[in-house]
Amino acid sequence: MSLDYQGKVVLLTGAASGIGRGLARAFAEQGATLELLDRNAEALAVVAAELAGLTRVSAAVVELGDSVAIADFAARRGNTRLDVLINNAGVEYVTPLSDIGSAADAQWQALLDNNVASMLRLTRALQHQLKAGSSVINQASIWGLKGVPGFSAYVASKHAVIGLTRALAWELGPRHIRVNAVCPGWIGTEAAMRSLRVMARTSGRSEAEELALILAAQAVPELLTPADLAGTFLFLGSPLAAPLTGQALSVSHGEVMH
């Protein structure tokens, strides 16, 4: 299915790598005008240059942990049209229960701030630029739908993203703005492969053995790619998804069915 995003403005965070980079290309190929945000200026410039031949692209380095920086960015946008806001930026790392002390506490809080509070800050700052019919899509994870040992902060953050999504769906619903979450399964990104290596070391299995177990838990035993997620995001951002809000869609080759 081809979804026409001509004339639509899509703002995407975490656009410089991984899933964000794949989503940026998918929306560009459908004609969307892109606003790309990331804190990695060099990588962001590369992505923006790659997509400039496909559509109109602007890029901004914004620290999503800084409320003042977000407010400044929102002020620079003014009343510019915004049709789809994709809160994709996030981090993933191990936080075992055995880690104690102030450093472990700080790491826990930093992950929650990066993965959850940043979404709230940006959505709050841009809420009045979202018009009736707009769509907010939050990046969650299947780990927001289940428990995983050793990754308590990440798992908690993704559960929180789903809760935030449902709350914002109620708050923005009266203005006919939809808010949904996407919960990807195992994707062959650098971040996911780092987690796989940690899980392998913890279990004493090889990385190949760990991957085999992961794929065996899926109805379709294949790793996802960022391109595999594109259709779900394109659909949620389009009028075809008008009845959907407050939903957390599992895109996981059947690892999580609900």
Protein backbone atom coordinates (compact mmCIF):
# COMPACT_ATOMS: atom_id res chain seq x y z
CA MET A 1 0.00 0.00 0.00
CA SER A 2 1.29 3.45 -0.86
CA LEU A 3 0.42 6.16 1.66
CA ASP A 4 0.63 9.69 0.32
CA TYR A 5 2.29 12.07 2.76
CA GLN A 6 2.64 14.93 0.28
CA GLY A 7 2.10 18.19 2.14
CA LYS A 8 2.37 16.52 5.55
CA VAL A 9 4.99 17.50 8.12
CA VAL A 10 6.56 14.70 10.16
CA LEU A 11 8.85 15.43 13.13
CA LEU A 12 11.04 12.52 14.20
CA THR A 13 13.41 12.28 17.16
CA GLY A 14 16.40 9.95 17.34
CA ALA A 15 16.63 10.23 13.56
CA ALA A 16 20.39 9.82 13.14
CA SER A 17 20.65 6.05 13.48
CA GLY A 18 18.91 2.71 13.84
CA ILE A 19 15.12 2.67 13.74
CA GLY A 20 14.89 6.45 13.45
CA ARG A 21 17.04 6.53 10.36
CA GLY A 22 14.92 3.82 8.74
CA LEU A 23 11.69 5.62 9.59
CA ALA A 24 13.02 8.90 8.21
CA ARG A 25 13.67 7.24 4.85
CA ALA A 26 10.26 5.58 4.80
CA PHE A 27 8.40 8.84 5.38
CA ALA A 28 10.66 10.66 2.90
CA GLU A 29 9.81 8.09 0.22
CA GLN A 30 6.12 8.85 0.80
CA GLY A 31 6.71 12.57 0.25
CA ALA A 32 6.53 13.84 3.83
CA THR A 33 8.32 17.04 4.78
CA LEU A 34 10.73 15.96 7.50
CA GLU A 35 11.97 17.64 10.64
CA LEU A 36 14.72 15.45 12.08
CA LEU A 37 16.00 15.78 15.65
CA ASP A 38 18.97 14.12 17.29
CA ARG A 39 21.81 15.05 19.62
CA ASN A 40 24.48 13.60 17.32
CA ALA A 41 25.09 16.50 14.96
CA GLU A 42 27.48 14.70 12.63
CA ALA A 43 25.32 11.61 12.11
CA LEU A 44 22.19 13.74 11.79
CA ALA A 45 23.76 15.81 9.02
CA VAL A 46 24.59 12.63 7.11
CA VAL A 47 20.98 11.39 7.27
CA ALA A 48 19.58 14.77 6.28
CA ALA A 49 21.91 14.91 3.26
CA GLU A 50 20.91 11.39 2.22
CA LEU A 51 17.23 12.28 2.20
CA ALA A 52 17.46 15.77 0.74
CA GLY A 53 17.05 14.37 -2.78
CA LEU A 54 13.75 12.74 -1.83
CA THR A 55 11.91 15.47 0.03
CA ARG A 56 12.22 18.67 2.04
CA VAL A 57 14.32 18.01 5.13
CA SER A 58 15.39 20.15 8.06
CA ALA A 59 17.55 18.94 10.92
CA ALA A 60 18.08 20.28 14.42
CA VAL A 61 20.37 19.22 17.24
CA VAL A 62 18.20 19.31 20.36
CA GLU A 63 18.99 17.87 23.78
CA LEU A 64 15.68 16.32 24.80
CA GLY A 65 16.75 16.25 28.43
CA ASP A 66 16.83 20.05 28.50
CA SER A 67 13.43 21.73 28.89
CA VAL A 68 14.88 25.12 27.91
CA ALA A 69 16.36 23.71 24.70
CA ILE A 70 13.02 22.11 23.83
CA ALA A 71 11.15 25.34 24.53
CA ASP A 72 13.59 27.23 22.30
CA PHE A 73 13.06 24.71 19.51
CA ALA A 74 9.28 24.95 19.83
CA ALA A 75 9.49 28.74 19.73
CA ARG A 76 11.58 28.61 16.54
CA ARG A 77 8.92 26.42 14.93
CA GLY A 78 6.26 29.00 15.75
CA ASN A 79 2.95 27.93 14.24
CA THR A 80 4.50 25.70 11.60
CA ARG A 81 2.21 22.84 10.66
CA LEU A 82 2.84 19.51 12.40
CA ASP A 83 0.94 16.42 11.27
CA VAL A 84 2.90 13.56 12.83
CA LEU A 85 5.15 13.63 15.89
CA ILE A 86 7.25 10.50 16.34
CA ASN A 87 8.92 10.24 19.75
CA ASN A 88 11.54 7.67 18.82
CA ALA A 89 14.67 8.73 20.73
CA GLY A 90 15.75 6.41 23.51
CA VAL A 91 18.60 4.39 25.01
CA GLU A 92 18.95 0.79 26.11
CA TYR A 93 21.46 -0.64 28.56
CA VAL A 94 21.69 -3.21 31.32
CA THR A 95 20.80 -2.27 34.92
CA PRO A 96 21.14 -5.46 37.01
CA LEU A 97 19.67 -5.58 40.50
CA SER A 98 23.15 -6.34 41.82
CA ASP A 99 24.29 -2.81 40.93
CA ILE A 100 23.98 -0.60 44.00
CA GLY A 101 25.03 2.87 45.07
CA SER A 102 24.57 6.40 43.81
CA ALA A 103 26.04 5.68 40.37
CA ALA A 104 23.52 2.89 39.76
CA ASP A 105 20.68 5.12 40.97
CA ALA A 106 21.80 7.91 38.65
CA GLN A 107 21.97 5.53 35.70
CA TRP A 108 18.46 4.30 36.43
CA GLN A 109 17.08 7.84 36.61
CA ALA A 110 18.95 8.91 33.48
CA LEU A 111 17.44 6.09 31.43
CA LEU A 112 13.91 6.86 32.61
CA ASP A 113 14.42 10.54 31.87
CA ASN A 114 15.81 9.81 28.41
CA ASN A 115 13.16 7.27 27.43
CA VAL A 116 10.01 8.68 29.05
CA ALA A 117 10.29 12.23 30.36
CA SER A 118 11.84 13.42 27.10
CA MET A 119 8.71 12.28 25.23
CA LEU A 120 6.51 14.21 27.63
CA ARG A 121 8.66 17.34 27.40
CA LEU A 122 8.62 17.45 23.61
CA THR A 123 4.94 16.55 23.23
CA ARG A 124 4.01 19.16 25.83
CA ALA A 125 6.07 21.83 24.07
CA LEU A 126 4.58 21.05 20.64
CA GLN A 127 1.02 20.25 21.67
CA HIS A 128 -0.43 23.52 20.34
CA GLN A 129 1.23 22.99 16.96
CA LEU A 130 -0.64 19.69 16.59
CA LYS A 131 -3.97 20.26 14.89
CA ALA A 132 -7.10 18.12 14.60
CA GLY A 133 -6.26 14.92 12.76
CA SER A 134 -2.62 14.92 13.89
CA SER A 135 -0.94 11.79 15.20
CA VAL A 136 1.61 11.23 17.96
CA ILE A 137 3.50 7.93 17.82
CA ASN A 138 5.66 6.87 20.76
CA GLN A 139 8.40 4.27 20.44
CA ALA A 140 7.90 1.60 23.10
CA SER A 141 9.07 -2.04 23.00
CA ILE A 142 7.76 -5.55 23.56
CA TRP A 143 9.77 -5.24 26.77
CA GLY A 144 7.09 -2.75 27.75
CA LEU A 145 4.68 -5.69 27.63
CA LYS A 146 6.74 -8.28 29.51
CA GLY A 147 9.52 -8.65 32.07
CA VAL A 148 13.19 -9.23 31.24
CA PRO A 149 15.89 -9.85 33.87
CA GLY A 150 18.83 -7.48 34.07
CA PHE A 151 17.18 -4.62 32.19
CA SER A 152 14.85 -3.28 34.88
CA ALA A 153 15.24 0.41 34.03
CA TYR A 154 14.69 -0.12 30.30
CA VAL A 155 11.73 -2.45 30.90
CA ALA A 156 10.20 0.02 33.38
CA SER A 157 10.72 2.90 30.96
CA LYS A 158 8.93 1.13 28.14
CA HIS A 159 6.02 0.15 30.40
CA ALA A 160 5.89 3.84 31.34
CA VAL A 161 5.87 4.89 27.67
CA ILE A 162 2.76 2.79 27.15
CA GLY A 163 1.12 4.33 30.22
CA LEU A 164 2.06 7.82 29.04
CA THR A 165 0.63 7.04 25.62
CA ARG A 166 -2.71 6.04 27.08
CA ALA A 167 -2.90 9.09 29.33
CA LEU A 168 -2.03 11.50 26.51
CA ALA A 169 -4.59 9.80 24.26
CA TRP A 170 -7.26 10.91 26.72
CA GLU A 171 -5.81 14.41 27.10
CA LEU A 172 -5.43 15.09 23.39
CA GLY A 173 -8.43 13.10 22.20
CA PRO A 174 -10.93 15.96 22.63
CA ARG A 175 -8.84 17.90 20.08
CA HIS A 176 -9.01 14.89 17.70
CA ILE A 177 -5.29 14.16 18.10
CA ARG A 178 -4.41 10.48 18.28
CA VAL A 179 -1.62 9.03 20.45
CA ASN A 180 -0.38 5.47 19.95
CA ALA A 181 2.70 3.40 20.79
CA VAL A 182 4.63 0.88 18.72
CA CYS A 183 6.27 -2.05 20.51
CA PRO A 184 9.01 -3.53 18.31
CA GLY A 185 10.49 -6.95 18.91
CA TRP A 186 14.07 -7.93 18.19
CA ILE A 187 15.60 -5.73 15.49
CA GLY A 188 19.11 -6.05 14.10
CA THR A 189 20.19 -2.61 15.31
CA GLU A 190 23.44 -1.87 17.11
CA ALA A 191 21.60 -1.22 20.39
CA ALA A 192 19.71 -4.52 20.24
CA MET A 193 22.83 -6.48 19.41
CA ARG A 194 24.60 -4.92 22.41
CA SER A 195 21.79 -6.20 24.60
CA LEU A 196 22.04 -9.63 23.00
CA ARG A 197 25.76 -9.75 23.84
CA VAL A 198 25.02 -8.82 27.46
CA MET A 199 22.38 -11.53 27.70
CA ALA A 200 24.78 -14.09 26.22
CA ARG A 201 27.53 -13.21 28.71
CA THR A 202 25.09 -13.38 31.62
CA SER A 203 23.68 -16.74 30.58
CA GLY A 204 27.02 -18.29 29.63
CA ARG A 205 25.72 -19.04 26.15
CA SER A 206 27.31 -17.98 22.90
CA GLU A 207 25.79 -15.09 20.99
CA ALA A 208 24.60 -17.53 18.32
CA GLU A 209 22.90 -19.69 20.95
CA GLU A 210 21.28 -16.64 22.55
CA LEU A 211 19.99 -15.45 19.19
CA ALA A 212 18.61 -18.90 18.41
CA LEU A 213 16.61 -18.84 21.66
CA ILE A 214 15.29 -15.37 20.88
CA LEU A 215 14.15 -16.38 17.40
CA ALA A 216 12.61 -19.61 18.71
CA ALA A 217 10.27 -17.49 20.85
CA GLN A 218 8.85 -15.83 17.72
CA ALA A 219 6.15 -17.24 15.46
CA VAL A 220 8.25 -16.04 12.52
CA PRO A 221 11.88 -16.81 13.48
CA GLU A 222 13.60 -13.83 11.90
CA LEU A 223 15.14 -10.61 13.16
CA LEU A 224 13.20 -7.51 12.22
CA THR A 225 14.79 -4.62 10.34
CA PRO A 226 13.98 -0.91 10.74
CA ALA A 227 12.25 -1.12 7.35
CA ASP A 228 9.92 -3.79 8.75
CA LEU A 229 8.51 -1.23 11.20
CA ALA A 230 7.90 1.44 8.60
CA GLY A 231 4.46 0.23 7.51
CA THR A 232 3.11 0.37 11.06
CA PHE A 233 4.32 3.93 11.57
CA LEU A 234 3.08 5.05 8.16
CA PHE A 235 -0.31 3.55 8.92
CA LEU A 236 -0.59 5.10 12.40
CA GLY A 237 0.33 8.51 11.04
CA SER A 238 -2.31 8.34 8.30
CA PRO A 239 -6.09 8.92 8.26
CA LEU A 240 -6.50 5.15 7.80
CA ALA A 241 -5.74 4.79 11.52
CA ALA A 242 -8.30 7.43 12.56
CA PRO A 243 -10.15 5.09 14.98
CA LEU A 244 -6.97 4.06 16.79
CA THR A 245 -5.74 5.89 19.86
CA GLY A 246 -4.24 4.77 23.16
CA GLN A 247 -3.04 1.55 21.56
CA ALA A 248 0.28 -0.29 21.99
CA LEU A 249 0.86 -2.31 18.83
CA SER A 250 3.23 -5.28 19.10
CA VAL A 251 5.40 -5.55 15.98
CA SER A 252 7.46 -8.57 16.96
CA HIS A 253 7.04 -11.46 14.51
CA GLY A 254 4.61 -12.90 17.04
CA GLU A 255 6.87 -12.92 20.12
CA VAL A 256 4.16 -11.03 21.99
CA MET A 257 0.54 -11.59 21.04
CA HIS A 258 -2.17 -9.68 22.88
